[in-house]
Amino acid sequence: MRQGKLIERDVSIFPFYQEPEEDFLTYIGQFYLHKNHLKPKEILIPKEVARELIEQMLEIPVNQPQRGRKKKIWSRWRKKMHKSL
């Protein structure tokens, strides 16, 4: 997502073996540590996920939006995600 717009859709199947939060962290790590994927300036994540772990792993700012523009962007993305599932 760039400037509030979904610019590319990368569909992949990722099996779930653990708790959803742990699998989310695993997926984020595998995705952004892959040499072909550029790291964004920041990542927006749900408040249920440990922000500090992602910040340490990727060395970029991680936010958990509570209100404002970023919260609207996050909410829009989450609705689109649920529709695609």
PDB file of N, CA and C in Angstrom:
ATOM      1  N   MET A   1       0.849  -1.150   0.000  1.00  0.00           N
ATOM      2  CA  MET A   1       0.000   0.000   0.000  1.00  0.00           C
ATOM      3  C   MET A   1       0.905   1.226   0.000  1.00  0.00           C
ATOM      4  N   ARG A   2       0.670   2.130  -0.913  1.00  0.00           N
ATOM      5  CA  ARG A   2       1.434   3.371  -1.008  1.00  0.00           C
ATOM      6  C   ARG A   2       0.450   4.532  -1.081  1.00  0.00           C
ATOM      7  N   GLN A   3       0.609   5.506  -0.210  1.00  0.00           N
ATOM      8  CA  GLN A   3      -0.238   6.690  -0.168  1.00  0.00           C
ATOM      9  C   GLN A   3      -1.718   6.324  -0.105  1.00  0.00           C
ATOM     10  N   GLY A   4      -2.035   5.306   0.671  1.00  0.00           N
ATOM     11  CA  GLY A   4      -3.424   4.910   0.861  1.00  0.00           C
ATOM     12  C   GLY A   4      -4.016   4.106  -0.277  1.00  0.00           C
ATOM     13  N   LYS A   5      -3.207   3.729  -1.262  1.00  0.00           N
ATOM     14  CA  LYS A   5      -3.711   2.962  -2.406  1.00  0.00           C
ATOM     15  C   LYS A   5      -3.002   1.619  -2.467  1.00  0.00           C
ATOM     16  N   LEU A   6      -3.773   0.582  -2.733  1.00  0.00           N
ATOM     17  CA  LEU A   6      -3.214  -0.744  -2.900  1.00  0.00           C
ATOM     18  C   LEU A   6      -2.575  -0.794  -4.281  1.00  0.00           C
ATOM     19  N   ILE A   7      -1.236  -0.900  -4.338  1.00  0.00           N
ATOM     20  CA  ILE A   7      -0.563  -0.808  -5.626  1.00  0.00           C
ATOM     21  C   ILE A   7      -0.239  -2.160  -6.244  1.00  0.00           C
ATOM     22  N   GLU A   8      -0.119  -3.167  -5.426  1.00  0.00           N
ATOM     23  CA  GLU A   8       0.193  -4.490  -5.956  1.00  0.00           C
ATOM     24  C   GLU A   8      -0.405  -5.537  -5.038  1.00  0.00           C
ATOM     25  N   ARG A   9      -0.854  -6.593  -5.627  1.00  0.00           N
ATOM     26  CA  ARG A   9      -1.432  -7.670  -4.830  1.00  0.00           C
ATOM     27  C   ARG A   9      -0.589  -8.906  -5.027  1.00  0.00           C
ATOM     28  N   ASP A  10      -0.013  -9.376  -3.949  1.00  0.00           N
ATOM     29  CA  ASP A  10       0.829 -10.558  -3.983  1.00  0.00           C
ATOM     30  C   ASP A  10       0.095 -11.653  -3.213  1.00  0.00           C
ATOM     31  N   VAL A  11      -0.426 -12.624  -3.934  1.00  0.00           N
ATOM     32  CA  VAL A  11      -1.205 -13.683  -3.309  1.00  0.00           C
ATOM     33  C   VAL A  11      -0.303 -14.885  -3.077  1.00  0.00           C
ATOM     34  N   SER A  12      -0.305 -15.359  -1.841  1.00  0.00           N
ATOM     35  CA  SER A  12       0.456 -16.556  -1.535  1.00  0.00           C
ATOM     36  C   SER A  12      -0.293 -17.349  -0.469  1.00  0.00           C
ATOM     37  N   ILE A  13      -0.029 -18.628  -0.445  1.00  0.00           N
ATOM     38  CA  ILE A  13      -0.666 -19.493   0.549  1.00  0.00           C
ATOM     39  C   ILE A  13       0.339 -19.730   1.654  1.00  0.00           C
ATOM     40  N   PHE A  14      -0.092 -19.459   2.860  1.00  0.00           N
ATOM     41  CA  PHE A  14       0.770 -19.618   4.026  1.00  0.00           C
ATOM     42  C   PHE A  14       0.028 -20.472   5.039  1.00  0.00           C
ATOM     43  N   PRO A  15       0.521 -21.670   5.324  1.00  0.00           N
ATOM     44  CA  PRO A  15      -0.192 -22.546   6.269  1.00  0.00           C
ATOM     45  C   PRO A  15      -0.106 -22.014   7.699  1.00  0.00           C
ATOM     46  N   PHE A  16      -1.175 -22.231   8.459  1.00  0.00           N
ATOM     47  CA  PHE A  16      -1.215 -21.830   9.862  1.00  0.00           C
ATOM     48  C   PHE A  16      -0.910 -23.039  10.737  1.00  0.00           C
ATOM     49  N   TYR A  17       0.103 -22.909  11.583  1.00  0.00           N
ATOM     50  CA  TYR A  17       0.475 -23.988  12.482  1.00  0.00           C
ATOM     51  C   TYR A  17       0.378 -23.590  13.944  1.00  0.00           C
ATOM     52  N   GLN A  18       0.467 -22.276  14.212  1.00  0.00           N
ATOM     53  CA  GLN A  18       0.500 -21.796  15.584  1.00  0.00           C
ATOM     54  C   GLN A  18      -0.665 -20.841  15.819  1.00  0.00           C
ATOM     55  N   GLU A  19      -0.495 -19.982  16.796  1.00  0.00           N
ATOM     56  CA  GLU A  19      -1.484 -18.936  17.050  1.00  0.00           C
ATOM     57  C   GLU A  19      -1.441 -17.931  15.910  1.00  0.00           C
ATOM     58  N   PRO A  20      -2.567 -17.282  15.576  1.00  0.00           N
ATOM     59  CA  PRO A  20      -2.591 -16.323  14.463  1.00  0.00           C
ATOM     60  C   PRO A  20      -1.533 -15.226  14.573  1.00  0.00           C
ATOM     61  N   GLU A  21      -1.311 -14.687  15.777  1.00  0.00           N
ATOM     62  CA  GLU A  21      -0.324 -13.619  15.949  1.00  0.00           C
ATOM     63  C   GLU A  21       1.091 -14.102  15.638  1.00  0.00           C
ATOM     64  N   GLU A  22       1.418 -15.317  16.076  1.00  0.00           N
ATOM     65  CA  GLU A  22       2.740 -15.882  15.813  1.00  0.00           C
ATOM     66  C   GLU A  22       2.938 -16.144  14.326  1.00  0.00           C
ATOM     67  N   ASP A  23       1.917 -16.684  13.671  1.00  0.00           N
ATOM     68  CA  ASP A  23       2.013 -16.934  12.230  1.00  0.00           C
ATOM     69  C   ASP A  23       2.103 -15.628  11.445  1.00  0.00           C
ATOM     70  N   PHE A  24       1.426 -14.583  11.905  1.00  0.00           N
ATOM     71  CA  PHE A  24       1.510 -13.271  11.259  1.00  0.00           C
ATOM     72  C   PHE A  24       2.939 -12.748  11.332  1.00  0.00           C
ATOM     73  N   LEU A  25       3.559 -12.846  12.509  1.00  0.00           N
ATOM     74  CA  LEU A  25       4.945 -12.405  12.665  1.00  0.00           C
ATOM     75  C   LEU A  25       5.886 -13.207  11.760  1.00  0.00           C
ATOM     76  N   THR A  26       5.669 -14.500  11.676  1.00  0.00           N
ATOM     77  CA  THR A  26       6.482 -15.353  10.817  1.00  0.00           C
ATOM     78  C   THR A  26       6.344 -14.938   9.355  1.00  0.00           C
ATOM     79  N   TYR A  27       5.108 -14.699   8.921  1.00  0.00           N
ATOM     80  CA  TYR A  27       4.874 -14.306   7.533  1.00  0.00           C
ATOM     81  C   TYR A  27       5.532 -12.958   7.218  1.00  0.00           C
ATOM     82  N   ILE A  28       5.346 -11.974   8.100  1.00  0.00           N
ATOM     83  CA  ILE A  28       5.945 -10.651   7.879  1.00  0.00           C
ATOM     84  C   ILE A  28       7.464 -10.779   7.765  1.00  0.00           C
ATOM     85  N   GLY A  29       8.060 -11.552   8.655  1.00  0.00           N
ATOM     86  CA  GLY A  29       9.502 -11.748   8.606  1.00  0.00           C
ATOM     87  C   GLY A  29       9.962 -12.396   7.317  1.00  0.00           C
ATOM     88  N   GLN A  30       9.299 -13.459   6.915  1.00  0.00           N
ATOM     89  CA  GLN A  30       9.676 -14.150   5.683  1.00  0.00           C
ATOM     90  C   GLN A  30       9.479 -13.262   4.461  1.00  0.00           C
ATOM     91  N   PHE A  31       8.395 -12.494   4.442  1.00  0.00           N
ATOM     92  CA  PHE A  31       8.097 -11.655   3.285  1.00  0.00           C
ATOM     93  C   PHE A  31       9.132 -10.538   3.126  1.00  0.00           C
ATOM     94  N   TYR A  32       9.350  -9.752   4.168  1.00  0.00           N
ATOM     95  CA  TYR A  32      10.223  -8.583   4.047  1.00  0.00           C
ATOM     96  C   TYR A  32      11.703  -8.903   4.120  1.00  0.00           C
ATOM     97  N   LEU A  33      12.087 -10.055   4.627  1.00  0.00           N
ATOM     98  CA  LEU A  33      13.498 -10.418   4.635  1.00  0.00           C
ATOM     99  C   LEU A  33      13.907 -11.108   3.332  1.00  0.00           C
ATOM    100  N   HIS A  34      12.946 -11.360   2.444  1.00  0.00           N
ATOM    101  CA  HIS A  34      13.237 -11.913   1.118  1.00  0.00           C
ATOM    102  C   HIS A  34      13.923 -10.822   0.298  1.00  0.00           C
ATOM    103  N   LYS A  35      14.975 -11.162  -0.420  1.00  0.00           N
ATOM    104  CA  LYS A  35      15.778 -10.148  -1.108  1.00  0.00           C
ATOM    105  C   LYS A  35      15.015  -9.386  -2.198  1.00  0.00           C
ATOM    106  N   ASN A  36      13.941  -9.948  -2.754  1.00  0.00           N
ATOM    107  CA  ASN A  36      13.194  -9.277  -3.815  1.00  0.00           C
ATOM    108  C   ASN A  36      12.131  -8.306  -3.301  1.00  0.00           C
ATOM    109  N   HIS A  37      11.863  -8.302  -1.996  1.00  0.00           N
ATOM    110  CA  HIS A  37      10.837  -7.421  -1.438  1.00  0.00           C
ATOM    111  C   HIS A  37      11.480  -6.229  -0.739  1.00  0.00           C
ATOM    112  N   LEU A  38      11.129  -5.040  -1.186  1.00  0.00           N
ATOM    113  CA  LEU A  38      11.634  -3.822  -0.561  1.00  0.00           C
ATOM    114  C   LEU A  38      10.892  -3.547   0.735  1.00  0.00           C
ATOM    115  N   LYS A  39      11.605  -3.055   1.710  1.00  0.00           N
ATOM    116  CA  LYS A  39      10.971  -2.686   2.976  1.00  0.00           C
ATOM    117  C   LYS A  39      10.307  -1.317   2.812  1.00  0.00           C
ATOM    118  N   PRO A  40       9.103  -1.162   3.329  1.00  0.00           N
ATOM    119  CA  PRO A  40       8.446   0.142   3.265  1.00  0.00           C
ATOM    120  C   PRO A  40       9.028   1.081   4.324  1.00  0.00           C
ATOM    121  N   LYS A  41       8.594   2.358   4.289  1.00  0.00           N
ATOM    122  CA  LYS A  41       9.055   3.323   5.288  1.00  0.00           C
ATOM    123  C   LYS A  41       8.487   3.003   6.664  1.00  0.00           C
ATOM    124  N   GLU A  42       7.277   2.460   6.698  1.00  0.00           N
ATOM    125  CA  GLU A  42       6.659   2.030   7.950  1.00  0.00           C
ATOM    126  C   GLU A  42       5.646   0.945   7.653  1.00  0.00           C
ATOM    127  N   ILE A  43       5.288   0.197   8.695  1.00  0.00           N
ATOM    128  CA  ILE A  43       4.294  -0.866   8.572  1.00  0.00           C
ATOM    129  C   ILE A  43       3.185  -0.590   9.575  1.00  0.00           C
ATOM    130  N   LEU A  44       1.944  -0.765   9.137  1.00  0.00           N
ATOM    131  CA  LEU A  44       0.785  -0.656  10.023  1.00  0.00           C
ATOM    132  C   LEU A  44       0.327  -2.068  10.365  1.00  0.00           C
ATOM    133  N   ILE A  45       0.164  -2.337  11.648  1.00  0.00           N
ATOM    134  CA  ILE A  45      -0.231  -3.672  12.090  1.00  0.00           C
ATOM    135  C   ILE A  45      -1.390  -3.582  13.075  1.00  0.00           C
ATOM    136  N   PRO A  46      -2.105  -4.693  13.282  1.00  0.00           N
ATOM    137  CA  PRO A  46      -3.179  -4.687  14.281  1.00  0.00           C
ATOM    138  C   PRO A  46      -2.607  -4.580  15.694  1.00  0.00           C
ATOM    139  N   LYS A  47      -3.418  -4.070  16.604  1.00  0.00           N
ATOM    140  CA  LYS A  47      -2.936  -3.861  17.972  1.00  0.00           C
ATOM    141  C   LYS A  47      -2.698  -5.163  18.732  1.00  0.00           C
ATOM    142  N   GLU A  48      -3.177  -6.297  18.210  1.00  0.00           N
ATOM    143  CA  GLU A  48      -2.987  -7.579  18.872  1.00  0.00           C
ATOM    144  C   GLU A  48      -1.581  -8.147  18.688  1.00  0.00           C
ATOM    145  N   VAL A  49      -0.804  -7.568  17.783  1.00  0.00           N
ATOM    146  CA  VAL A  49       0.513  -8.104  17.422  1.00  0.00           C
ATOM    147  C   VAL A  49       1.610  -7.317  18.138  1.00  0.00           C
ATOM    148  N   ALA A  50       2.657  -7.998  18.547  1.00  0.00           N
ATOM    149  CA  ALA A  50       3.781  -7.375  19.253  1.00  0.00           C
ATOM    150  C   ALA A  50       4.597  -6.502  18.305  1.00  0.00           C
ATOM    151  N   ARG A  51       4.412  -5.212  18.431  1.00  0.00           N
ATOM    152  CA  ARG A  51       5.069  -4.239  17.558  1.00  0.00           C
ATOM    153  C   ARG A  51       6.595  -4.283  17.679  1.00  0.00           C
ATOM    154  N   GLU A  52       7.101  -4.427  18.887  1.00  0.00           N
ATOM    155  CA  GLU A  52       8.537  -4.376  19.132  1.00  0.00           C
ATOM    156  C   GLU A  52       9.293  -5.464  18.374  1.00  0.00           C
ATOM    157  N   LEU A  53       8.696  -6.647  18.274  1.00  0.00           N
ATOM    158  CA  LEU A  53       9.357  -7.752  17.569  1.00  0.00           C
ATOM    159  C   LEU A  53       9.567  -7.432  16.095  1.00  0.00           C
ATOM    160  N   ILE A  54       8.552  -6.843  15.460  1.00  0.00           N
ATOM    161  CA  ILE A  54       8.667  -6.504  14.033  1.00  0.00           C
ATOM    162  C   ILE A  54       9.672  -5.381  13.841  1.00  0.00           C
ATOM    163  N   GLU A  55       9.662  -4.388  14.727  1.00  0.00           N
ATOM    164  CA  GLU A  55      10.625  -3.285  14.628  1.00  0.00           C
ATOM    165  C   GLU A  55      12.059  -3.802  14.734  1.00  0.00           C
ATOM    166  N   GLN A  56      12.307  -4.709  15.658  1.00  0.00           N
ATOM    167  CA  GLN A  56      13.652  -5.278  15.812  1.00  0.00           C
ATOM    168  C   GLN A  56      14.051  -6.115  14.601  1.00  0.00           C
ATOM    169  N   MET A  57      13.117  -6.891  14.101  1.00  0.00           N
ATOM    170  CA  MET A  57      13.401  -7.799  12.998  1.00  0.00           C
ATOM    171  C   MET A  57      13.690  -7.033  11.701  1.00  0.00           C
ATOM    172  N   LEU A  58      12.878  -6.023  11.394  1.00  0.00           N
ATOM    173  CA  LEU A  58      12.991  -5.331  10.108  1.00  0.00           C
ATOM    174  C   LEU A  58      13.722  -3.995  10.180  1.00  0.00           C
ATOM    175  N   GLU A  59      13.894  -3.472  11.381  1.00  0.00           N
ATOM    176  CA  GLU A  59      14.574  -2.190  11.589  1.00  0.00           C
ATOM    177  C   GLU A  59      13.889  -1.038  10.853  1.00  0.00           C
ATOM    178  N   ILE A  60      12.558  -1.006  10.912  1.00  0.00           N
ATOM    179  CA  ILE A  60      11.765   0.092  10.366  1.00  0.00           C
ATOM    180  C   ILE A  60      10.652   0.416  11.361  1.00  0.00           C
ATOM    181  N   PRO A  61      10.088   1.644  11.288  1.00  0.00           N
ATOM    182  CA  PRO A  61       8.999   1.993  12.204  1.00  0.00           C
ATOM    183  C   PRO A  61       7.748   1.143  11.973  1.00  0.00           C
ATOM    184  N   VAL A  62       7.127   0.745  13.060  1.00  0.00           N
ATOM    185  CA  VAL A  62       5.892  -0.043  13.022  1.00  0.00           C
ATOM    186  C   VAL A  62       4.854   0.684  13.859  1.00  0.00           C
ATOM    187  N   ASN A  63       3.677   0.934  13.293  1.00  0.00           N
ATOM    188  CA  ASN A  63       2.621   1.639  14.008  1.00  0.00           C
ATOM    189  C   ASN A  63       1.377   0.786  14.129  1.00  0.00           C
ATOM    190  N   GLN A  64       0.662   1.019  15.209  1.00  0.00           N
ATOM    191  CA  GLN A  64      -0.626   0.375  15.454  1.00  0.00           C
ATOM    192  C   GLN A  64      -1.653   1.498  15.549  1.00  0.00           C
ATOM    193  N   PRO A  65      -2.219   1.916  14.394  1.00  0.00           N
ATOM    194  CA  PRO A  65      -3.081   3.099  14.360  1.00  0.00           C
ATOM    195  C   PRO A  65      -4.313   2.982  15.245  1.00  0.00           C
ATOM    196  N   GLN A  66      -4.576   4.057  15.992  1.00  0.00           N
ATOM    197  CA  GLN A  66      -5.726   4.111  16.888  1.00  0.00           C
ATOM    198  C   GLN A  66      -6.800   5.070  16.368  1.00  0.00           C
ATOM    199  N   ARG A  67      -6.379   6.132  15.658  1.00  0.00           N
ATOM    200  CA  ARG A  67      -7.332   7.116  15.138  1.00  0.00           C
ATOM    201  C   ARG A  67      -6.664   7.882  13.995  1.00  0.00           C
ATOM    202  N   GLY A  68      -7.460   8.652  13.280  1.00  0.00           N
ATOM    203  CA  GLY A  68      -6.922   9.502  12.227  1.00  0.00           C
ATOM    204  C   GLY A  68      -6.805   8.821  10.879  1.00  0.00           C
ATOM    205  N   ARG A  69      -5.989   9.415  10.028  1.00  0.00           N
ATOM    206  CA  ARG A  69      -5.820   8.977   8.638  1.00  0.00           C
ATOM    207  C   ARG A  69      -5.303   7.538   8.540  1.00  0.00           C
ATOM    208  N   LYS A  70      -4.296   7.208   9.334  1.00  0.00           N
ATOM    209  CA  LYS A  70      -3.724   5.860   9.269  1.00  0.00           C
ATOM    210  C   LYS A  70      -4.722   4.806   9.736  1.00  0.00           C
ATOM    211  N   LYS A  71      -5.549   5.144  10.705  1.00  0.00           N
ATOM    212  CA  LYS A  71      -6.594   4.226  11.158  1.00  0.00           C
ATOM    213  C   LYS A  71      -7.592   3.969  10.031  1.00  0.00           C
ATOM    214  N   LYS A  72      -7.940   5.015   9.266  1.00  0.00           N
ATOM    215  CA  LYS A  72      -8.859   4.852   8.137  1.00  0.00           C
ATOM    216  C   LYS A  72      -8.232   3.964   7.059  1.00  0.00           C
ATOM    217  N   ILE A  73      -6.958   4.181   6.780  1.00  0.00           N
ATOM    218  CA  ILE A  73      -6.259   3.353   5.790  1.00  0.00           C
ATOM    219  C   ILE A  73      -6.260   1.895   6.246  1.00  0.00           C
ATOM    220  N   TRP A  74      -5.927   1.674   7.513  1.00  0.00           N
ATOM    221  CA  TRP A  74      -5.894   0.321   8.065  1.00  0.00           C
ATOM    222  C   TRP A  74      -7.270  -0.335   7.985  1.00  0.00           C
ATOM    223  N   SER A  75      -8.312   0.405   8.351  1.00  0.00           N
ATOM    224  CA  SER A  75      -9.679  -0.140   8.325  1.00  0.00           C
ATOM    225  C   SER A  75     -10.096  -0.502   6.907  1.00  0.00           C
ATOM    226  N   ARG A  76      -9.760   0.352   5.938  1.00  0.00           N
ATOM    227  CA  ARG A  76     -10.077   0.074   4.533  1.00  0.00           C
ATOM    228  C   ARG A  76      -9.369  -1.191   4.053  1.00  0.00           C
ATOM    229  N   TRP A  77      -8.093  -1.316   4.387  1.00  0.00           N
ATOM    230  CA  TRP A  77      -7.339  -2.496   3.973  1.00  0.00           C
ATOM    231  C   TRP A  77      -7.922  -3.748   4.606  1.00  0.00           C
ATOM    232  N   ARG A  78      -8.290  -3.653   5.883  1.00  0.00           N
ATOM    233  CA  ARG A  78      -8.820  -4.826   6.588  1.00  0.00           C
ATOM    234  C   ARG A  78     -10.133  -5.300   5.970  1.00  0.00           C
ATOM    235  N   LYS A  79     -11.000  -4.346   5.560  1.00  0.00           N
ATOM    236  CA  LYS A  79     -12.256  -4.715   4.886  1.00  0.00           C
ATOM    237  C   LYS A  79     -11.980  -5.425   3.569  1.00  0.00           C
ATOM    238  N   LYS A  80     -11.011  -4.906   2.791  1.00  0.00           N
ATOM    239  CA  LYS A  80     -10.673  -5.535   1.516  1.00  0.00           C
ATOM    240  C   LYS A  80     -10.111  -6.940   1.738  1.00  0.00           C
ATOM    241  N   MET A  81      -9.322  -7.090   2.784  1.00  0.00           N
ATOM    242  CA  MET A  81      -8.741  -8.387   3.090  1.00  0.00           C
ATOM    243  C   MET A  81      -9.835  -9.402   3.408  1.00  0.00           C
ATOM    244  N   HIS A  82     -10.795  -9.001   4.235  1.00  0.00           N
ATOM    245  CA  HIS A  82     -11.876  -9.919   4.608  1.00  0.00           C
ATOM    246  C   HIS A  82     -12.735 -10.307   3.406  1.00  0.00           C
ATOM    247  N   LYS A  83     -12.922  -9.385   2.462  1.00  0.00           N
ATOM    248  CA  LYS A  83     -13.677  -9.705   1.253  1.00  0.00           C
ATOM    249  C   LYS A  83     -12.945 -10.718   0.397  1.00  0.00           C
ATOM    250  N   SER A  84     -11.608 -10.603   0.332  1.00  0.00           N
ATOM    251  CA  SER A  84     -10.843 -11.508  -0.516  1.00  0.00           C
ATOM    252  C   SER A  84     -10.721 -12.906   0.085  1.00  0.00           C
ATOM    253  N   LEU A  85     -10.903 -13.017   1.394  1.00  0.00           N
ATOM    254  CA  LEU A  85     -10.827 -14.340   2.015  1.00  0.00           C
ATOM    255  C   LEU A  85     -12.137 -15.054   1.821  1.00  0.00           C
TER     256      LEU A  85
END
